[in-house]
Amino acid sequence: VQLQASGGGLVQAGGSLRLSCAASGFTLDYYAIGWFRQAPGKEREEVSCISSSGYSTYYADPVKGRFTISRDNTKNAVYLQMNSLKPEDTAIYYCAASNRNIYYSGTYYCGDARTDFGSWGQGTLVTVSS
């Protein structure tokens, strides 16, 4: 079972891209899905997550107000709409699945990428030129 991210490409600063995360071998309905990214020479970081129901979302501070995560369980897919892209958004973007919806004091969080997420697939490269 694996997830596959797609939709990356080269875009100028200020532009937009829409990433897709598709599943093979299982349905996404019962899983929270997270988007993560890794830039050259940097550690992997969380970008955004969505709960299994789709009602709760989380965004890392660098992407708040610019990125939107959504899911369509009828298509077994999760999307990341990225607007107002910046050169610092350049990275390989990965999606992964978690069987946990994590809340602290009523606020939804992604959880730990190392321990809470699996089914990592090959990522998709996003390059933002200045």
Protein backbone atom coordinates (compact mmCIF):
# COMPACT_ATOMS: atom_id res chain seq x y z
CA VAL A 1 0.00 0.00 0.00
CA GLN A 2 1.41 3.33 -0.97
CA LEU A 3 0.63 6.95 -1.57
CA GLN A 4 1.74 8.84 -4.62
CA ALA A 5 2.19 12.58 -4.74
CA SER A 6 1.94 14.40 -8.06
CA GLY A 7 1.42 17.84 -9.52
CA GLY A 8 4.77 19.41 -8.82
CA GLY A 9 6.66 21.51 -11.29
CA LEU A 10 8.46 24.75 -11.95
CA VAL A 11 6.60 27.95 -11.21
CA GLN A 12 7.51 31.59 -10.76
CA ALA A 13 7.21 33.27 -7.40
CA GLY A 14 3.64 34.32 -6.80
CA GLY A 15 2.29 31.46 -8.87
CA SER A 16 0.18 28.47 -7.90
CA LEU A 17 0.31 24.72 -8.03
CA ARG A 18 -2.09 22.00 -6.96
CA LEU A 19 -0.61 18.82 -5.60
CA SER A 20 -2.51 15.56 -5.51
CA CYS A 21 -2.05 12.57 -3.26
CA ALA A 22 -3.51 9.31 -4.52
CA ALA A 23 -3.64 5.94 -2.81
CA SER A 24 -3.08 2.52 -4.26
CA GLY A 25 -4.08 -0.61 -2.45
CA PHE A 26 -6.21 1.01 0.23
CA THR A 27 -8.84 3.68 0.73
CA LEU A 28 -8.04 6.96 2.39
CA ASP A 29 -11.38 7.33 4.17
CA TYR A 30 -10.10 6.24 7.56
CA TYR A 31 -6.77 8.00 7.50
CA ALA A 32 -5.56 11.44 8.32
CA ILE A 33 -3.29 12.64 5.53
CA GLY A 34 -0.30 14.86 5.90
CA TRP A 35 1.79 16.81 3.45
CA PHE A 36 5.46 17.17 4.27
CA ARG A 37 8.37 18.66 2.40
CA GLN A 38 12.12 18.45 2.32
CA ALA A 39 14.28 21.12 0.81
CA PRO A 40 17.88 20.45 -0.26
CA GLY A 41 20.14 20.29 2.74
CA LYS A 42 17.28 20.64 5.18
CA GLU A 43 15.28 18.32 7.37
CA ARG A 44 11.81 17.18 6.47
CA GLU A 45 9.12 19.48 7.80
CA GLU A 46 5.39 19.27 8.11
CA VAL A 47 3.32 21.45 5.81
CA SER A 48 -0.33 20.61 6.35
CA CYS A 49 -2.58 17.83 7.57
CA ILE A 50 -6.23 16.94 7.27
CA SER A 51 -8.23 14.67 9.54
CA SER A 52 -9.86 11.52 8.26
CA SER A 53 -13.26 13.22 8.22
CA GLY A 54 -11.90 16.29 6.49
CA TYR A 55 -13.38 18.55 9.14
CA SER A 56 -10.08 19.44 10.76
CA THR A 57 -7.02 20.89 9.14
CA TYR A 58 -3.59 22.04 10.27
CA TYR A 59 -1.13 24.35 8.57
CA ALA A 60 2.45 25.08 9.47
CA ASP A 61 3.11 28.76 10.05
CA PRO A 62 5.17 29.29 6.85
CA VAL A 63 2.23 28.27 4.66
CA LYS A 64 -0.76 29.60 6.59
CA GLY A 65 -3.00 31.73 4.42
CA ARG A 66 -1.35 30.51 1.21
CA PHE A 67 -1.92 26.75 1.13
CA THR A 68 -5.21 24.87 1.37
CA ILE A 69 -5.55 21.17 2.03
CA SER A 70 -8.66 19.26 1.02
CA ARG A 71 -9.80 15.73 0.44
CA ASP A 72 -12.26 13.96 -1.80
CA ASN A 73 -12.88 10.50 -0.41
CA THR A 74 -15.02 9.61 -3.42
CA LYS A 75 -11.89 9.99 -5.53
CA ASN A 76 -9.62 8.54 -2.87
CA ALA A 77 -7.44 11.62 -3.06
CA VAL A 78 -6.13 14.51 -1.03
CA TYR A 79 -5.07 17.82 -2.50
CA LEU A 80 -2.80 20.69 -1.56
CA GLN A 81 -3.57 23.96 -3.29
CA MET A 82 -0.52 26.19 -3.08
CA ASN A 83 -0.92 29.86 -3.88
CA SER A 84 1.43 32.82 -3.65
CA LEU A 85 4.38 30.50 -3.88
CA LYS A 86 7.76 31.69 -2.68
CA PRO A 87 11.26 30.47 -3.54
CA GLU A 88 11.53 29.09 -0.01
CA ASP A 89 8.67 26.70 -0.83
CA THR A 90 11.04 24.86 -3.16
CA ALA A 91 11.24 21.25 -1.96
CA ILE A 92 10.19 17.72 -2.61
CA TYR A 93 6.66 17.32 -1.29
CA TYR A 94 5.46 14.04 0.15
CA CYS A 95 2.13 12.82 1.41
CA ALA A 96 1.66 10.17 4.06
CA ALA A 97 -1.16 8.53 5.99
CA SER A 98 -1.86 8.29 9.69
CA ASN A 99 -4.46 6.24 11.50
CA ARG A 100 -4.54 8.85 14.25
CA ASN A 101 -6.43 12.14 14.39
CA ILE A 102 -4.50 14.10 16.98
CA TYR A 103 -6.10 16.81 19.05
CA TYR A 104 -4.67 18.76 21.99
CA SER A 105 -7.12 20.95 23.86
CA GLY A 106 -9.47 20.81 20.91
CA THR A 107 -6.87 21.88 18.36
CA TYR A 108 -5.95 19.52 15.56
CA TYR A 109 -2.29 18.75 14.89
CA CYS A 110 -0.41 16.63 12.39
CA GLY A 111 1.45 14.49 14.87
CA ASP A 112 4.96 13.13 14.52
CA ALA A 113 5.97 12.33 10.95
CA ARG A 114 8.41 9.69 12.15
CA THR A 115 6.03 7.73 14.33
CA ASP A 116 2.48 8.62 13.33
CA PHE A 117 2.69 8.47 9.55
CA GLY A 118 3.33 5.67 7.08
CA SER A 119 2.74 4.63 3.49
CA TRP A 120 5.16 7.26 2.29
CA GLY A 121 5.48 7.33 -1.45
CA GLN A 122 7.78 9.08 -3.82
CA GLY A 123 7.39 12.79 -3.60
CA THR A 124 6.86 15.45 -6.19
CA LEU A 125 9.33 18.26 -6.79
CA VAL A 126 8.17 21.84 -6.50
CA THR A 127 10.57 24.50 -7.73
CA VAL A 128 9.73 28.16 -7.30
CA SER A 129 11.88 30.60 -9.19
CA SER A 130 12.40 34.17 -8.08
